[in-house]
């Protein structure tokens, strides 16, 4: 089998021009020159060109999809942070007495006779925003009822 026929056969099997040149022991331009004489070469070249274009298109679509998904994740994180910030900023600027007492329950003693929580001065100086005593009703601090 002569080199031209062997080059065409290898090309149609899917080998690249560089690989064919190594196999035959000739330069790449020489392989191209040999293959240009066959109409099958031009058909195969067009087929490979379309195949590569399709691969490139699929790769671009996949890349864009990944970028879009990443953007969507980032956007969701920003929205979550925004919702949290909005909720924090829309709260009352002052905590209710019930919440303050719940947070500082260890500084209060329960007086059963008066049904009140009374601030224990031995725990330290009482901050101005904490009440001295609080009536324990149904909605607040049920553990003392």
N, C-alpha and C. Protein backbone atom coordinates (compact mmCIF):
# COMPACT_ATOMS: atom_id res chain seq x y z
N UNK A 1 0.86 -1.18 0.00
CA UNK A 1 0.00 0.00 0.00
C UNK A 1 0.90 1.23 0.00
N UNK A 2 0.58 2.16 -0.90
CA UNK A 2 1.41 3.36 -0.96
C UNK A 2 1.05 4.34 0.14
N UNK A 3 1.90 5.33 0.32
CA UNK A 3 1.74 6.29 1.42
C UNK A 3 0.45 7.09 1.31
N UNK A 4 0.05 7.44 0.09
CA UNK A 4 -1.17 8.25 -0.09
C UNK A 4 -2.39 7.48 0.40
N UNK A 5 -2.51 6.23 -0.01
CA UNK A 5 -3.66 5.42 0.39
C UNK A 5 -3.64 5.17 1.91
N UNK A 6 -2.46 4.91 2.45
CA UNK A 6 -2.32 4.69 3.90
C UNK A 6 -2.70 5.96 4.67
N UNK A 7 -2.28 7.12 4.17
CA UNK A 7 -2.60 8.40 4.81
C UNK A 7 -4.11 8.61 4.81
N UNK A 8 -4.77 8.33 3.68
CA UNK A 8 -6.22 8.50 3.59
C UNK A 8 -6.92 7.53 4.55
N UNK A 9 -6.47 6.30 4.57
CA UNK A 9 -7.07 5.29 5.44
C UNK A 9 -6.98 5.72 6.90
N UNK A 10 -5.80 6.16 7.32
CA UNK A 10 -5.62 6.61 8.71
C UNK A 10 -6.48 7.84 9.01
N UNK A 11 -6.55 8.75 8.05
CA UNK A 11 -7.35 9.98 8.26
C UNK A 11 -8.82 9.63 8.43
N UNK A 12 -9.32 8.70 7.61
CA UNK A 12 -10.72 8.31 7.69
C UNK A 12 -11.01 7.51 8.97
N UNK A 13 -9.98 6.90 9.55
CA UNK A 13 -10.14 6.20 10.83
C UNK A 13 -10.20 7.17 12.01
N UNK A 14 -9.84 8.43 11.76
CA UNK A 14 -9.94 9.43 12.82
C UNK A 14 -8.62 9.95 13.33
N UNK A 15 -7.54 9.54 12.73
CA UNK A 15 -6.23 10.04 13.16
C UNK A 15 -6.06 11.50 12.74
N UNK A 16 -5.26 12.22 13.51
CA UNK A 16 -4.96 13.61 13.18
C UNK A 16 -3.78 13.64 12.21
N UNK A 17 -3.62 14.78 11.55
CA UNK A 17 -2.55 14.92 10.55
C UNK A 17 -1.16 14.71 11.15
N UNK A 18 -0.94 15.20 12.35
CA UNK A 18 0.35 15.06 13.02
C UNK A 18 0.64 13.58 13.27
N UNK A 19 -0.39 12.85 13.72
CA UNK A 19 -0.21 11.42 14.01
C UNK A 19 0.09 10.64 12.72
N UNK A 20 -0.61 11.01 11.65
CA UNK A 20 -0.38 10.35 10.35
C UNK A 20 1.04 10.62 9.87
N UNK A 21 1.50 11.87 10.02
CA UNK A 21 2.86 12.24 9.60
C UNK A 21 3.89 11.42 10.36
N UNK A 22 3.70 11.23 11.67
CA UNK A 22 4.63 10.41 12.46
C UNK A 22 4.61 8.96 11.99
N UNK A 23 3.41 8.46 11.74
CA UNK A 23 3.25 7.07 11.31
C UNK A 23 3.96 6.79 9.99
N UNK A 24 3.81 7.75 9.06
CA UNK A 24 4.38 7.56 7.72
C UNK A 24 5.83 8.05 7.62
N UNK A 25 6.26 8.82 8.58
CA UNK A 25 7.63 9.32 8.56
C UNK A 25 7.81 10.49 7.60
N UNK A 26 6.76 11.30 7.41
CA UNK A 26 6.83 12.48 6.54
C UNK A 26 6.36 13.69 7.34
N UNK A 27 6.46 14.86 6.73
CA UNK A 27 6.04 16.09 7.42
C UNK A 27 4.52 16.24 7.32
N UNK A 28 4.00 17.08 8.20
CA UNK A 28 2.55 17.33 8.21
C UNK A 28 2.10 17.99 6.89
N UNK A 29 2.81 19.00 6.37
CA UNK A 29 2.39 19.57 5.09
C UNK A 29 2.38 18.54 3.96
N UNK A 30 3.29 17.58 4.02
CA UNK A 30 3.32 16.53 2.99
C UNK A 30 2.06 15.67 3.08
N UNK A 31 1.61 15.37 4.30
CA UNK A 31 0.39 14.58 4.49
C UNK A 31 -0.81 15.36 3.95
N UNK A 32 -0.88 16.64 4.26
CA UNK A 32 -1.98 17.46 3.78
C UNK A 32 -1.99 17.48 2.25
N UNK A 33 -0.84 17.62 1.68
CA UNK A 33 -0.73 17.65 0.21
C UNK A 33 -1.21 16.32 -0.40
N UNK A 34 -0.85 15.20 0.24
CA UNK A 34 -1.29 13.89 -0.25
C UNK A 34 -2.81 13.75 -0.15
N UNK A 35 -3.36 14.18 1.00
CA UNK A 35 -4.79 13.99 1.25
C UNK A 35 -5.67 14.88 0.38
N UNK A 36 -5.17 16.05 0.00
CA UNK A 36 -5.97 16.98 -0.81
C UNK A 36 -6.34 16.40 -2.17
N UNK A 37 -5.67 15.36 -2.59
CA UNK A 37 -5.96 14.75 -3.88
C UNK A 37 -7.23 13.89 -3.85
N UNK A 38 -7.70 13.55 -2.65
CA UNK A 38 -8.86 12.66 -2.52
C UNK A 38 -10.11 13.47 -2.15
N UNK A 39 -11.26 13.22 -2.83
CA UNK A 39 -12.50 13.91 -2.46
C UNK A 39 -13.00 13.49 -1.06
N UNK A 40 -12.67 12.27 -0.64
CA UNK A 40 -13.09 11.80 0.68
C UNK A 40 -12.48 12.65 1.80
N UNK A 41 -11.26 13.13 1.55
CA UNK A 41 -10.58 13.98 2.53
C UNK A 41 -11.41 15.22 2.81
N UNK A 42 -11.90 15.87 1.74
CA UNK A 42 -12.67 17.11 1.90
C UNK A 42 -13.98 16.84 2.63
N UNK A 43 -14.62 15.72 2.33
CA UNK A 43 -15.87 15.37 3.02
C UNK A 43 -15.61 15.11 4.51
N UNK A 44 -14.55 14.35 4.77
CA UNK A 44 -14.21 14.04 6.16
C UNK A 44 -13.81 15.31 6.91
N UNK A 45 -13.11 16.19 6.25
CA UNK A 45 -12.69 17.44 6.87
C UNK A 45 -13.92 18.28 7.25
N UNK A 46 -14.89 18.35 6.35
CA UNK A 46 -16.13 19.09 6.64
C UNK A 46 -16.90 18.44 7.79
N UNK A 47 -16.95 17.10 7.79
CA UNK A 47 -17.64 16.40 8.86
C UNK A 47 -16.99 16.70 10.21
N UNK A 48 -15.67 16.65 10.26
CA UNK A 48 -14.94 16.94 11.50
C UNK A 48 -15.16 18.39 11.94
N UNK A 49 -15.19 19.28 10.96
CA UNK A 49 -15.39 20.70 11.26
C UNK A 49 -16.76 20.90 11.92
N UNK A 50 -17.80 20.29 11.36
CA UNK A 50 -19.15 20.40 11.94
C UNK A 50 -19.21 19.77 13.33
N UNK A 51 -18.55 18.62 13.46
CA UNK A 51 -18.52 17.93 14.75
C UNK A 51 -17.86 18.81 15.82
N UNK A 52 -16.74 19.42 15.46
CA UNK A 52 -16.03 20.31 16.40
C UNK A 52 -16.85 21.54 16.74
N UNK A 53 -17.57 22.07 15.75
CA UNK A 53 -18.43 23.22 16.02
C UNK A 53 -19.54 22.85 17.00
N UNK A 54 -20.09 21.64 16.82
CA UNK A 54 -21.14 21.18 17.73
C UNK A 54 -20.59 20.97 19.14
N UNK A 55 -19.41 20.40 19.26
CA UNK A 55 -18.76 20.22 20.57
C UNK A 55 -18.52 21.58 21.24
N UNK A 56 -18.05 22.52 20.44
CA UNK A 56 -17.78 23.86 20.98
C UNK A 56 -19.08 24.51 21.44
N UNK A 57 -20.14 24.34 20.67
CA UNK A 57 -21.44 24.92 21.04
C UNK A 57 -21.94 24.31 22.35
N UNK A 58 -21.84 22.99 22.47
CA UNK A 58 -22.27 22.32 23.69
C UNK A 58 -21.43 22.76 24.89
N UNK A 59 -20.13 22.91 24.68
CA UNK A 59 -19.27 23.36 25.77
C UNK A 59 -19.66 24.77 26.22
N UNK A 60 -19.90 25.66 25.24
CA UNK A 60 -20.29 27.05 25.58
C UNK A 60 -21.62 27.06 26.35
N UNK A 61 -22.57 26.23 25.90
CA UNK A 61 -23.86 26.18 26.59
C UNK A 61 -23.69 25.68 28.02
N UNK A 62 -22.87 24.65 28.19
CA UNK A 62 -22.62 24.12 29.53
C UNK A 62 -21.94 25.17 30.41
N UNK A 63 -20.97 25.87 29.85
CA UNK A 63 -20.26 26.92 30.59
C UNK A 63 -21.22 28.03 31.00
N UNK A 64 -22.06 28.45 30.07
CA UNK A 64 -23.03 29.51 30.38
C UNK A 64 -24.01 29.06 31.46
N UNK A 65 -24.45 27.80 31.37
CA UNK A 65 -25.37 27.28 32.36
C UNK A 65 -24.73 27.29 33.76
N UNK A 66 -23.46 26.86 33.83
CA UNK A 66 -22.76 26.88 35.12
C UNK A 66 -22.64 28.30 35.66
N UNK A 67 -22.32 29.23 34.77
CA UNK A 67 -22.21 30.63 35.20
C UNK A 67 -23.55 31.16 35.69
N UNK A 68 -24.61 30.80 34.98
CA UNK A 68 -25.95 31.26 35.35
C UNK A 68 -26.34 30.68 36.71
N UNK A 69 -26.05 29.38 36.92
CA UNK A 69 -26.36 28.76 38.21
C UNK A 69 -25.56 29.41 39.33
N UNK A 70 -24.29 29.69 39.07
CA UNK A 70 -23.47 30.36 40.08
C UNK A 70 -24.02 31.74 40.39
N UNK A 71 -24.44 32.45 39.35
CA UNK A 71 -25.03 33.78 39.54
C UNK A 71 -26.31 33.67 40.36
N UNK A 72 -27.14 32.63 40.07
CA UNK A 72 -28.38 32.44 40.80
C UNK A 72 -28.10 32.16 42.28
N UNK A 73 -27.08 31.34 42.57
CA UNK A 73 -26.72 31.06 43.96
C UNK A 73 -26.27 32.33 44.66
N UNK A 74 -25.43 33.10 44.01
CA UNK A 74 -24.95 34.35 44.59
C UNK A 74 -26.12 35.30 44.84
N UNK A 75 -27.04 35.35 43.87
CA UNK A 75 -28.20 36.23 44.00
C UNK A 75 -29.07 35.80 45.17
N UNK A 76 -29.26 34.49 45.35
CA UNK A 76 -30.05 33.99 46.47
C UNK A 76 -29.40 34.37 47.80
N UNK A 77 -28.07 34.28 47.88
CA UNK A 77 -27.37 34.67 49.11
C UNK A 77 -27.58 36.15 49.40
N UNK A 78 -27.51 36.97 48.37
CA UNK A 78 -27.71 38.41 48.55
C UNK A 78 -29.14 38.67 49.01
N UNK A 79 -30.11 37.99 48.41
CA UNK A 79 -31.51 38.16 48.82
C UNK A 79 -31.71 37.74 50.28
N UNK A 80 -31.09 36.63 50.67
CA UNK A 80 -31.21 36.15 52.05
C UNK A 80 -30.64 37.19 53.01
N UNK A 81 -29.45 37.69 52.70
CA UNK A 81 -28.83 38.72 53.54
C UNK A 81 -29.71 39.96 53.61
N UNK A 82 -30.30 40.31 52.48
CA UNK A 82 -31.17 41.49 52.44
C UNK A 82 -32.40 41.28 53.32
N UNK A 83 -33.01 40.09 53.22
CA UNK A 83 -34.19 39.81 54.06
C UNK A 83 -33.84 39.87 55.54
N UNK A 84 -32.67 39.28 55.91
CA UNK A 84 -32.26 39.31 57.31
C UNK A 84 -32.00 40.73 57.79
N UNK A 85 -31.36 41.52 56.97
CA UNK A 85 -31.07 42.91 57.34
C UNK A 85 -32.37 43.71 57.46
N UNK A 86 -33.29 43.47 56.53
CA UNK A 86 -34.57 44.17 56.58
C UNK A 86 -35.33 43.81 57.85
N UNK A 87 -35.33 42.53 58.18
CA UNK A 87 -36.02 42.09 59.40
C UNK A 87 -35.37 42.70 60.63
N UNK A 88 -34.05 42.74 60.67
CA UNK A 88 -33.36 43.31 61.83
C UNK A 88 -33.62 44.80 61.96
N UNK A 89 -33.64 45.50 60.83
CA UNK A 89 -33.84 46.95 60.88
C UNK A 89 -35.29 47.34 61.15
N UNK A 90 -36.22 46.45 60.82
CA UNK A 90 -37.63 46.81 61.00
C UNK A 90 -38.14 46.48 62.40
N UNK A 91 -37.31 45.82 63.22
CA UNK A 91 -37.73 45.52 64.59
C UNK A 91 -37.78 46.81 65.41
N UNK A 92 -38.48 46.69 66.54
CA UNK A 92 -38.52 47.83 67.45
C UNK A 92 -37.11 48.13 67.93
N UNK A 93 -36.85 49.38 68.16
CA UNK A 93 -35.53 49.77 68.63
C UNK A 93 -35.31 49.43 70.09
N UNK A 94 -36.38 49.06 70.78
CA UNK A 94 -36.30 48.79 72.21
C UNK A 94 -36.91 47.42 72.49
N UNK A 95 -36.25 46.62 73.31
CA UNK A 95 -36.79 45.31 73.67
C UNK A 95 -37.86 45.47 74.72
N UNK A 96 -38.87 44.61 74.68
CA UNK A 96 -39.92 44.68 75.68
C UNK A 96 -39.38 44.20 77.03
N UNK A 97 -40.10 44.56 78.10
CA UNK A 97 -39.69 44.14 79.43
C UNK A 97 -39.67 42.62 79.55
N UNK A 98 -40.64 41.97 78.94
CA UNK A 98 -40.71 40.50 79.01
C UNK A 98 -39.45 39.87 78.42
N UNK A 99 -39.00 40.37 77.29
CA UNK A 99 -37.81 39.82 76.65
C UNK A 99 -36.57 40.12 77.48
N UNK A 100 -36.49 41.34 78.00
CA UNK A 100 -35.34 41.69 78.84
C UNK A 100 -35.26 40.80 80.07
N UNK A 101 -36.38 40.55 80.70
CA UNK A 101 -36.40 39.73 81.91
C UNK A 101 -36.04 38.28 81.56
N UNK A 102 -36.57 37.80 80.44
CA UNK A 102 -36.23 36.44 80.00
C UNK A 102 -34.73 36.31 79.78
N UNK A 103 -34.13 37.33 79.19
CA UNK A 103 -32.69 37.29 78.94
C UNK A 103 -31.87 37.39 80.22
N UNK A 104 -32.43 38.07 81.24
CA UNK A 104 -31.69 38.29 82.49
C UNK A 104 -32.34 37.56 83.67
N UNK A 105 -32.98 36.43 83.41
CA UNK A 105 -33.75 35.74 84.45
C UNK A 105 -32.91 35.33 85.66
N UNK A 106 -31.64 35.12 85.48
CA UNK A 106 -30.80 34.71 86.60
C UNK A 106 -30.62 35.82 87.64
N UNK A 107 -30.93 37.06 87.25
CA UNK A 107 -30.78 38.19 88.18
C UNK A 107 -32.06 38.50 88.93
N UNK A 108 -33.09 37.69 88.75
CA UNK A 108 -34.38 37.92 89.40
C UNK A 108 -34.71 36.77 90.34
N UNK A 109 -35.39 37.12 91.43
CA UNK A 109 -35.90 36.13 92.38
C UNK A 109 -37.42 36.22 92.34
N UNK A 110 -38.06 35.07 92.55
CA UNK A 110 -39.52 35.03 92.51
C UNK A 110 -40.09 35.16 93.91
N UNK A 111 -41.02 36.10 94.08
CA UNK A 111 -41.71 36.30 95.34
C UNK A 111 -43.11 35.71 95.18
N UNK A 112 -43.37 34.57 95.88
CA UNK A 112 -44.63 33.86 95.71
C UNK A 112 -45.83 34.65 96.25
N UNK A 113 -45.63 35.36 97.33
CA UNK A 113 -46.73 36.10 97.93
C UNK A 113 -47.27 37.17 96.98
N UNK A 114 -46.38 37.92 96.38
CA UNK A 114 -46.78 39.02 95.49
C UNK A 114 -46.89 38.58 94.04
N UNK A 115 -46.49 37.35 93.76
CA UNK A 115 -46.46 36.82 92.39
C UNK A 115 -45.69 37.75 91.47
N UNK A 116 -44.51 38.12 91.96
CA UNK A 116 -43.67 39.04 91.20
C UNK A 116 -42.24 38.52 91.13
N UNK A 117 -41.56 38.94 90.08
CA UNK A 117 -40.11 38.74 89.99
C UNK A 117 -39.47 40.03 90.48
N UNK A 118 -38.52 39.90 91.38
CA UNK A 118 -37.87 41.08 91.95
C UNK A 118 -36.38 40.98 91.64
N UNK A 119 -35.81 42.11 91.20
CA UNK A 119 -34.40 42.14 90.84
C UNK A 119 -33.55 41.92 92.07
N UNK A 120 -32.57 41.03 91.99
CA UNK A 120 -31.69 40.71 93.11
C UNK A 120 -30.48 41.64 93.02
N UNK A 121 -30.39 42.56 93.96
CA UNK A 121 -29.32 43.56 93.96
C UNK A 121 -27.94 42.93 94.18
N UNK A 122 -27.90 41.71 94.76
CA UNK A 122 -26.60 41.08 94.98
C UNK A 122 -25.98 40.62 93.66
N UNK A 123 -26.77 40.56 92.59
CA UNK A 123 -26.26 40.16 91.28
C UNK A 123 -25.51 41.31 90.61
N UNK A 124 -25.60 42.47 91.21
CA UNK A 124 -24.92 43.63 90.65
C UNK A 124 -25.89 44.79 90.51
N UNK A 125 -25.40 45.90 90.04
CA UNK A 125 -26.24 47.07 89.90
C UNK A 125 -27.23 46.86 88.75
N UNK A 126 -28.47 47.25 89.00
CA UNK A 126 -29.53 47.07 88.01
C UNK A 126 -29.41 48.13 86.92
N UNK A 127 -29.36 47.70 85.64
CA UNK A 127 -29.34 48.66 84.55
C UNK A 127 -30.65 49.45 84.51
N UNK A 128 -30.60 50.63 83.99
CA UNK A 128 -31.77 51.51 83.98
C UNK A 128 -32.91 50.94 83.16
N UNK A 129 -32.61 50.16 82.15
CA UNK A 129 -33.69 49.67 81.30
C UNK A 129 -34.32 48.37 81.82
N UNK A 130 -33.78 47.80 82.90
CA UNK A 130 -34.40 46.61 83.49
C UNK A 130 -35.34 47.04 84.60
N UNK A 131 -36.55 46.52 84.61
CA UNK A 131 -37.49 46.90 85.67
C UNK A 131 -37.09 46.27 87.02
N UNK A 132 -37.44 46.96 88.10
CA UNK A 132 -37.10 46.48 89.44
C UNK A 132 -37.91 45.23 89.78
N UNK A 133 -39.19 45.24 89.43
CA UNK A 133 -40.02 44.06 89.66
C UNK A 133 -41.04 43.95 88.54
N UNK A 134 -41.50 42.70 88.35
CA UNK A 134 -42.44 42.44 87.26
C UNK A 134 -43.47 41.45 87.74
N UNK A 135 -44.73 41.76 87.48
CA UNK A 135 -45.80 40.84 87.80
C UNK A 135 -45.76 39.68 86.81
N UNK A 136 -45.84 38.45 87.34
CA UNK A 136 -45.80 37.27 86.48
C UNK A 136 -47.23 36.91 86.12
N UNK A 137 -47.59 37.11 84.89
CA UNK A 137 -48.94 36.78 84.42
C UNK A 137 -48.87 35.60 83.47
N UNK A 138 -50.00 35.21 82.91
CA UNK A 138 -50.09 33.99 82.10
C UNK A 138 -49.12 33.98 80.91
N UNK A 139 -48.94 35.11 80.28
CA UNK A 139 -48.17 35.15 79.04
C UNK A 139 -46.67 35.22 79.25
N UNK A 140 -46.26 35.63 80.46
CA UNK A 140 -44.84 35.83 80.69
C UNK A 140 -44.33 34.83 81.72
N UNK A 141 -43.26 34.16 81.38
CA UNK A 141 -42.52 33.32 82.33
C UNK A 141 -43.42 32.31 83.05
N UNK A 142 -44.00 31.41 82.31
CA UNK A 142 -44.95 30.42 82.83
C UNK A 142 -44.32 29.50 83.88
N UNK A 143 -43.00 29.37 83.89
CA UNK A 143 -42.38 28.45 84.85
C UNK A 143 -42.60 28.91 86.29
N UNK A 144 -42.99 30.17 86.52
CA UNK A 144 -43.19 30.67 87.88
C UNK A 144 -44.64 30.60 88.33
N UNK A 145 -45.55 30.17 87.50
CA UNK A 145 -46.96 30.08 87.88
C UNK A 145 -47.28 28.78 88.56
